Amino acid sequence: MADLPPNPITARLSGLGEEDRLKALKHTHPLWDQYHEGWEIFLDAFDGTGGFLNGAYLWRYPREELTEFAERQATARYHNYTEALIDLYVRKVFSQGVDRQTSDEGLQDWWADVDGSGTGLTDFLREAAAQALASSHVGILADKTPDVPVGPSRADDRGRVFLTRYLPTALVDWRQARERLRAVKLREAPPD
């Protein structure tokens, strides 16, 4: 197997001191800095979680006692109209279904499980569309398992392609050149 060319990002970071490297890794895009709090609220409104679930989005009245405010937070209810409206729209867009045809059994199997969790392609895209409508955009990463090919032909490649959705709060930095997306920095959840 031929050696891979050096990764320009890794090469650039390796030439930096520890402090500069940490600064570069923690850098976020100015638009992410400006909008990420709003994206979190929109996603919480869609899911009925976060401050909508625990009352953190409520404000304390000027003359309200702390105990009264805590009680109001504990008893607050959230009627999730956001999810209902988005679901109506997504249901309409996906009502016709998609006719996919191929004789390739491997591709048919992948269409039936695009994320490694048994989610079909149409369901995966339906969920991505709903999340994008709730928060403004969603990133979809196509990746491949790191299985090493067992031989020289394409048939010997046992790596499995899978899709992963990333919400806008996880897309913390990006680079564009001539209006084309060139690189994205993702913030992934730490493993459990």
C-alpha atoms as a PDB file:
ATOM      1  CA  MET A   1       0.000   0.000   0.000  1.00  0.00           C
ATOM      2  CA  ALA A   2       1.383   3.419  -0.970  1.00  0.00           C
ATOM      3  CA  ASP A   3       2.125   5.987   1.704  1.00  0.00           C
ATOM      4  CA  LEU A   4      -0.494   8.678   2.036  1.00  0.00           C
ATOM      5  CA  PRO A   5       0.504  12.288   1.377  1.00  0.00           C
ATOM      6  CA  PRO A   6       1.044  14.326   4.539  1.00  0.00           C
ATOM      7  CA  ASN A   7      -2.064  15.839   6.042  1.00  0.00           C
ATOM      8  CA  PRO A   8      -1.720  19.634   5.586  1.00  0.00           C
ATOM      9  CA  ILE A   9      -3.695  20.374   8.763  1.00  0.00           C
ATOM     10  CA  THR A  10      -1.593  18.043  10.899  1.00  0.00           C
ATOM     11  CA  ALA A  11       1.595  19.370   9.322  1.00  0.00           C
ATOM     12  CA  ARG A  12       0.527  22.956  10.016  1.00  0.00           C
ATOM     13  CA  LEU A  13      -0.383  22.170  13.639  1.00  0.00           C
ATOM     14  CA  SER A  14       2.810  20.216  14.281  1.00  0.00           C
ATOM     15  CA  GLY A  15       4.879  23.305  13.458  1.00  0.00           C
ATOM     16  CA  LEU A  16       3.180  25.305  16.224  1.00  0.00           C
ATOM     17  CA  GLY A  17       4.014  25.549  19.892  1.00  0.00           C
ATOM     18  CA  GLU A  18       1.671  23.928  22.421  1.00  0.00           C
ATOM     19  CA  GLU A  19      -0.173  27.168  23.237  1.00  0.00           C
ATOM     20  CA  ASP A  20      -0.664  28.099  19.569  1.00  0.00           C
ATOM     21  CA  ARG A  21      -1.781  24.556  18.724  1.00  0.00           C
ATOM     22  CA  LEU A  22      -4.446  24.620  21.453  1.00  0.00           C
ATOM     23  CA  LYS A  23      -5.577  28.039  20.268  1.00  0.00           C
ATOM     24  CA  ALA A  24      -5.900  26.764  16.675  1.00  0.00           C
ATOM     25  CA  LEU A  25      -7.824  23.677  17.803  1.00  0.00           C
ATOM     26  CA  LYS A  26     -10.224  25.750  19.925  1.00  0.00           C
ATOM     27  CA  HIS A  27     -10.840  28.338  17.190  1.00  0.00           C
ATOM     28  CA  THR A  28     -14.463  28.659  16.067  1.00  0.00           C
ATOM     29  CA  HIS A  29     -15.898  30.378  13.026  1.00  0.00           C
ATOM     30  CA  PRO A  30     -17.229  33.922  13.700  1.00  0.00           C
ATOM     31  CA  LEU A  31     -20.667  32.947  12.343  1.00  0.00           C
ATOM     32  CA  TRP A  32     -20.767  29.948  14.685  1.00  0.00           C
ATOM     33  CA  ASP A  33     -19.929  32.275  17.582  1.00  0.00           C
ATOM     34  CA  GLN A  34     -22.749  34.580  16.528  1.00  0.00           C
ATOM     35  CA  TYR A  35     -25.479  31.981  15.966  1.00  0.00           C
ATOM     36  CA  HIS A  36     -24.772  28.828  18.010  1.00  0.00           C
ATOM     37  CA  GLU A  37     -26.875  29.898  21.011  1.00  0.00           C
ATOM     38  CA  GLY A  38     -29.862  30.499  18.741  1.00  0.00           C
ATOM     39  CA  TRP A  39     -29.340  27.131  17.036  1.00  0.00           C
ATOM     40  CA  GLU A  40     -29.363  25.439  20.456  1.00  0.00           C
ATOM     41  CA  ILE A  41     -32.649  27.160  21.356  1.00  0.00           C
ATOM     42  CA  PHE A  42     -34.223  26.194  18.001  1.00  0.00           C
ATOM     43  CA  LEU A  43     -33.156  22.565  18.446  1.00  0.00           C
ATOM     44  CA  ASP A  44     -34.434  22.551  22.038  1.00  0.00           C
ATOM     45  CA  ALA A  45     -37.759  23.960  20.795  1.00  0.00           C
ATOM     46  CA  PHE A  46     -37.959  21.181  18.188  1.00  0.00           C
ATOM     47  CA  ASP A  47     -37.038  18.402  20.633  1.00  0.00           C
ATOM     48  CA  GLY A  48     -38.762  19.882  23.704  1.00  0.00           C
ATOM     49  CA  THR A  49     -35.479  19.582  25.626  1.00  0.00           C
ATOM     50  CA  GLY A  50     -33.000  21.917  27.305  1.00  0.00           C
ATOM     51  CA  GLY A  51     -34.550  25.032  28.773  1.00  0.00           C
ATOM     52  CA  PHE A  52     -37.982  24.001  27.535  1.00  0.00           C
ATOM     53  CA  LEU A  53     -37.780  20.824  29.585  1.00  0.00           C
ATOM     54  CA  ASN A  54     -36.296  22.211  32.808  1.00  0.00           C
ATOM     55  CA  GLY A  55     -37.662  25.772  32.714  1.00  0.00           C
ATOM     56  CA  ALA A  56     -34.264  27.421  32.205  1.00  0.00           C
ATOM     57  CA  TYR A  57     -35.648  29.581  29.373  1.00  0.00           C
ATOM     58  CA  LEU A  58     -38.108  31.252  31.749  1.00  0.00           C
ATOM     59  CA  TRP A  59     -37.253  34.665  33.160  1.00  0.00           C
ATOM     60  CA  ARG A  60     -37.788  35.651  36.734  1.00  0.00           C
ATOM     61  CA  TYR A  61     -40.343  38.427  37.239  1.00  0.00           C
ATOM     62  CA  PRO A  62     -38.962  41.567  38.952  1.00  0.00           C
ATOM     63  CA  ARG A  63     -40.866  40.984  42.202  1.00  0.00           C
ATOM     64  CA  GLU A  64     -40.956  37.198  42.104  1.00  0.00           C
ATOM     65  CA  GLU A  65     -39.340  35.379  45.019  1.00  0.00           C
ATOM     66  CA  LEU A  66     -36.727  32.729  44.226  1.00  0.00           C
ATOM     67  CA  THR A  67     -38.911  29.956  45.645  1.00  0.00           C
ATOM     68  CA  GLU A  68     -41.874  31.078  43.529  1.00  0.00           C
ATOM     69  CA  PHE A  69     -39.675  31.228  40.441  1.00  0.00           C
ATOM     70  CA  ALA A  70     -38.298  27.731  41.097  1.00  0.00           C
ATOM     71  CA  GLU A  71     -41.848  26.426  41.534  1.00  0.00           C
ATOM     72  CA  ARG A  72     -42.938  28.092  38.285  1.00  0.00           C
ATOM     73  CA  GLN A  73     -39.958  26.527  36.486  1.00  0.00           C
ATOM     74  CA  ALA A  74     -40.806  23.093  37.882  1.00  0.00           C
ATOM     75  CA  THR A  75     -44.457  23.287  36.837  1.00  0.00           C
ATOM     76  CA  ALA A  76     -44.008  24.972  33.438  1.00  0.00           C
ATOM     77  CA  ARG A  77     -45.336  23.102  30.413  1.00  0.00           C
ATOM     78  CA  TYR A  78     -44.148  23.340  26.844  1.00  0.00           C
ATOM     79  CA  HIS A  79     -46.555  22.751  23.981  1.00  0.00           C
ATOM     80  CA  ASN A  80     -44.284  21.662  21.135  1.00  0.00           C
ATOM     81  CA  TYR A  81     -45.830  23.374  18.118  1.00  0.00           C
ATOM     82  CA  THR A  82     -42.425  23.599  16.428  1.00  0.00           C
ATOM     83  CA  GLU A  83     -42.087  19.839  16.066  1.00  0.00           C
ATOM     84  CA  ALA A  84     -45.683  19.475  14.882  1.00  0.00           C
ATOM     85  CA  LEU A  85     -45.282  22.129  12.163  1.00  0.00           C
ATOM     86  CA  ILE A  86     -41.958  20.755  10.950  1.00  0.00           C
ATOM     87  CA  ASP A  87     -43.319  17.201  10.923  1.00  0.00           C
ATOM     88  CA  LEU A  88     -46.272  18.335   8.761  1.00  0.00           C
ATOM     89  CA  TYR A  89     -43.922  19.919   6.247  1.00  0.00           C
ATOM     90  CA  VAL A  90     -41.485  16.995   6.170  1.00  0.00           C
ATOM     91  CA  ARG A  91     -44.339  14.495   5.848  1.00  0.00           C
ATOM     92  CA  LYS A  92     -45.609  16.433   2.809  1.00  0.00           C
ATOM     93  CA  VAL A  93     -42.172  16.619   1.177  1.00  0.00           C
ATOM     94  CA  PHE A  94     -41.532  12.888   1.692  1.00  0.00           C
ATOM     95  CA  SER A  95     -45.105  11.728   0.951  1.00  0.00           C
ATOM     96  CA  GLN A  96     -44.358  10.485  -2.572  1.00  0.00           C
ATOM     97  CA  GLY A  97     -41.494   8.250  -1.591  1.00  0.00           C
ATOM     98  CA  VAL A  98     -38.446   7.563  -3.724  1.00  0.00           C
ATOM     99  CA  ASP A  99     -38.130   4.785  -6.287  1.00  0.00           C
ATOM    100  CA  ARG A 100     -34.568   3.530  -6.147  1.00  0.00           C
ATOM    101  CA  GLN A 101     -33.617   0.696  -8.463  1.00  0.00           C
ATOM    102  CA  THR A 102     -30.366  -1.186  -8.840  1.00  0.00           C
ATOM    103  CA  SER A 103     -29.234  -4.744  -9.368  1.00  0.00           C
ATOM    104  CA  ASP A 104     -26.292  -4.223  -6.979  1.00  0.00           C
ATOM    105  CA  GLU A 105     -27.190  -6.087  -3.794  1.00  0.00           C
ATOM    106  CA  GLY A 106     -24.493  -4.278  -1.830  1.00  0.00           C
ATOM    107  CA  LEU A 107     -26.026  -0.913  -2.711  1.00  0.00           C
ATOM    108  CA  GLN A 108     -29.517  -2.180  -1.840  1.00  0.00           C
ATOM    109  CA  ASP A 109     -28.196  -3.327   1.539  1.00  0.00           C
ATOM    110  CA  TRP A 110     -26.582   0.073   2.110  1.00  0.00           C
ATOM    111  CA  TRP A 111     -29.829   1.896   1.208  1.00  0.00           C
ATOM    112  CA  ALA A 112     -31.516  -0.202   3.902  1.00  0.00           C
ATOM    113  CA  ASP A 113     -28.874   0.715   6.535  1.00  0.00           C
ATOM    114  CA  VAL A 114     -26.951   3.930   5.808  1.00  0.00           C
ATOM    115  CA  ASP A 115     -25.801   4.724   9.346  1.00  0.00           C
ATOM    116  CA  GLY A 116     -24.892   1.302  10.716  1.00  0.00           C
ATOM    117  CA  SER A 117     -27.933   1.385  13.028  1.00  0.00           C
ATOM    118  CA  GLY A 118     -30.523   0.017  10.614  1.00  0.00           C
ATOM    119  CA  THR A 119     -31.809   3.387   9.341  1.00  0.00           C
ATOM    120  CA  GLY A 120     -32.869   3.411   5.701  1.00  0.00           C
ATOM    121  CA  LEU A 121     -31.757   6.226   3.396  1.00  0.00           C
ATOM    122  CA  THR A 122     -35.204   7.834   3.136  1.00  0.00           C
ATOM    123  CA  ASP A 123     -35.688   7.842   6.918  1.00  0.00           C
ATOM    124  CA  PHE A 124     -32.174   9.218   7.411  1.00  0.00           C
ATOM    125  CA  LEU A 125     -32.870  12.080   4.983  1.00  0.00           C
ATOM    126  CA  ARG A 126     -36.304  12.704   6.519  1.00  0.00           C
ATOM    127  CA  GLU A 127     -34.726  13.164   9.962  1.00  0.00           C
ATOM    128  CA  ALA A 128     -31.980  15.375   8.500  1.00  0.00           C
ATOM    129  CA  ALA A 129     -34.578  17.554   6.749  1.00  0.00           C
ATOM    130  CA  ALA A 130     -36.541  17.989   9.983  1.00  0.00           C
ATOM    131  CA  GLN A 131     -33.418  18.945  11.941  1.00  0.00           C
ATOM    132  CA  ALA A 132     -32.326  21.342   9.183  1.00  0.00           C
ATOM    133  CA  LEU A 133     -35.728  23.043   9.205  1.00  0.00           C
ATOM    134  CA  ALA A 134     -35.536  23.379  12.984  1.00  0.00           C
ATOM    135  CA  SER A 135     -32.016  24.781  13.141  1.00  0.00           C
ATOM    136  CA  SER A 136     -31.128  26.247   9.713  1.00  0.00           C
ATOM    137  CA  HIS A 137     -28.785  23.507   8.436  1.00  0.00           C
ATOM    138  CA  VAL A 138     -27.422  20.020   9.100  1.00  0.00           C
ATOM    139  CA  GLY A 139     -24.128  18.511   8.003  1.00  0.00           C
ATOM    140  CA  ILE A 140     -24.003  14.973   6.649  1.00  0.00           C
ATOM    141  CA  LEU A 141     -20.649  13.223   6.704  1.00  0.00           C
ATOM    142  CA  ALA A 142     -20.026  10.161   4.544  1.00  0.00           C
ATOM    143  CA  ASP A 143     -17.222   8.095   6.035  1.00  0.00           C
ATOM    144  CA  LYS A 144     -15.902   4.580   5.872  1.00  0.00           C
ATOM    145  CA  THR A 145     -14.940   2.065   8.515  1.00  0.00           C
ATOM    146  CA  PRO A 146     -11.155   1.655   8.834  1.00  0.00           C
ATOM    147  CA  ASP A 147     -11.142  -1.987   7.716  1.00  0.00           C
ATOM    148  CA  VAL A 148      -7.971  -2.780   5.774  1.00  0.00           C
ATOM    149  CA  PRO A 149      -8.563  -4.322   2.317  1.00  0.00           C
ATOM    150  CA  VAL A 150      -7.669  -8.017   2.199  1.00  0.00           C
ATOM    151  CA  GLY A 151      -6.483  -7.887  -1.414  1.00  0.00           C
ATOM    152  CA  PRO A 152      -5.765  -5.665  -4.397  1.00  0.00           C
ATOM    153  CA  SER A 153      -9.229  -5.527  -5.985  1.00  0.00           C
ATOM    154  CA  ARG A 154     -12.222  -3.431  -5.058  1.00  0.00           C
ATOM    155  CA  ALA A 155     -14.113  -6.581  -4.054  1.00  0.00           C
ATOM    156  CA  ASP A 156     -11.488  -7.160  -1.352  1.00  0.00           C
ATOM    157  CA  ASP A 157     -12.299  -3.851   0.346  1.00  0.00           C
ATOM    158  CA  ARG A 158     -14.413  -4.757   3.391  1.00  0.00           C
ATOM    159  CA  GLY A 159     -14.795  -1.184   4.631  1.00  0.00           C
ATOM    160  CA  ARG A 160     -18.405  -0.090   5.115  1.00  0.00           C
ATOM    161  CA  VAL A 161     -19.589   3.371   4.076  1.00  0.00           C
ATOM    162  CA  PHE A 162     -21.855   5.074   6.594  1.00  0.00           C
ATOM    163  CA  LEU A 163     -23.539   8.449   7.005  1.00  0.00           C
ATOM    164  CA  THR A 164     -23.580  10.614  10.131  1.00  0.00           C
ATOM    165  CA  ARG A 165     -25.655  13.749  10.765  1.00  0.00           C
ATOM    166  CA  TYR A 166     -24.096  16.740  12.490  1.00  0.00           C
ATOM    167  CA  LEU A 167     -26.233  19.516  13.911  1.00  0.00           C
ATOM    168  CA  PRO A 168     -25.087  23.116  13.395  1.00  0.00           C
ATOM    169  CA  THR A 169     -23.871  23.310  16.998  1.00  0.00           C
ATOM    170  CA  ALA A 170     -21.302  20.593  16.150  1.00  0.00           C
ATOM    171  CA  LEU A 171     -19.982  22.318  12.977  1.00  0.00           C
ATOM    172  CA  VAL A 172     -17.743  24.773  14.802  1.00  0.00           C
ATOM    173  CA  ASP A 173     -15.464  25.985  12.009  1.00  0.00           C
ATOM    174  CA  TRP A 174     -15.249  25.796   8.229  1.00  0.00           C
ATOM    175  CA  ARG A 175     -13.176  27.072   5.344  1.00  0.00           C
ATOM    176  CA  GLN A 176     -14.493  28.173   1.992  1.00  0.00           C
ATOM    177  CA  ALA A 177     -12.718  29.062  -1.236  1.00  0.00           C
ATOM    178  CA  ARG A 178     -14.579  30.528  -4.186  1.00  0.00           C
ATOM    179  CA  GLU A 179     -17.927  29.791  -2.553  1.00  0.00           C
ATOM    180  CA  ARG A 180     -17.103  26.076  -2.154  1.00  0.00           C
ATOM    181  CA  LEU A 181     -16.781  24.361   1.185  1.00  0.00           C
ATOM    182  CA  ARG A 182     -13.200  23.097   1.572  1.00  0.00           C
ATOM    183  CA  ALA A 183     -12.898  21.983   5.200  1.00  0.00           C
ATOM    184  CA  VAL A 184     -15.063  21.545   8.287  1.00  0.00           C
ATOM    185  CA  LYS A 185     -14.091  21.221  11.940  1.00  0.00           C
ATOM    186  CA  LEU A 186     -16.501  19.021  13.886  1.00  0.00           C
ATOM    187  CA  ARG A 187     -17.058  18.847  17.609  1.00  0.00           C
ATOM    188  CA  GLU A 188     -17.991  15.267  18.313  1.00  0.00           C
ATOM    189  CA  ALA A 189     -19.429  13.940  21.533  1.00  0.00           C
ATOM    190  CA  PRO A 190     -16.790  12.242  23.676  1.00  0.00           C
ATOM    191  CA  PRO A 191     -17.088   8.465  23.853  1.00  0.00           C
ATOM    192  CA  ASP A 192     -18.963   7.074  26.864  1.00  0.00           C
END
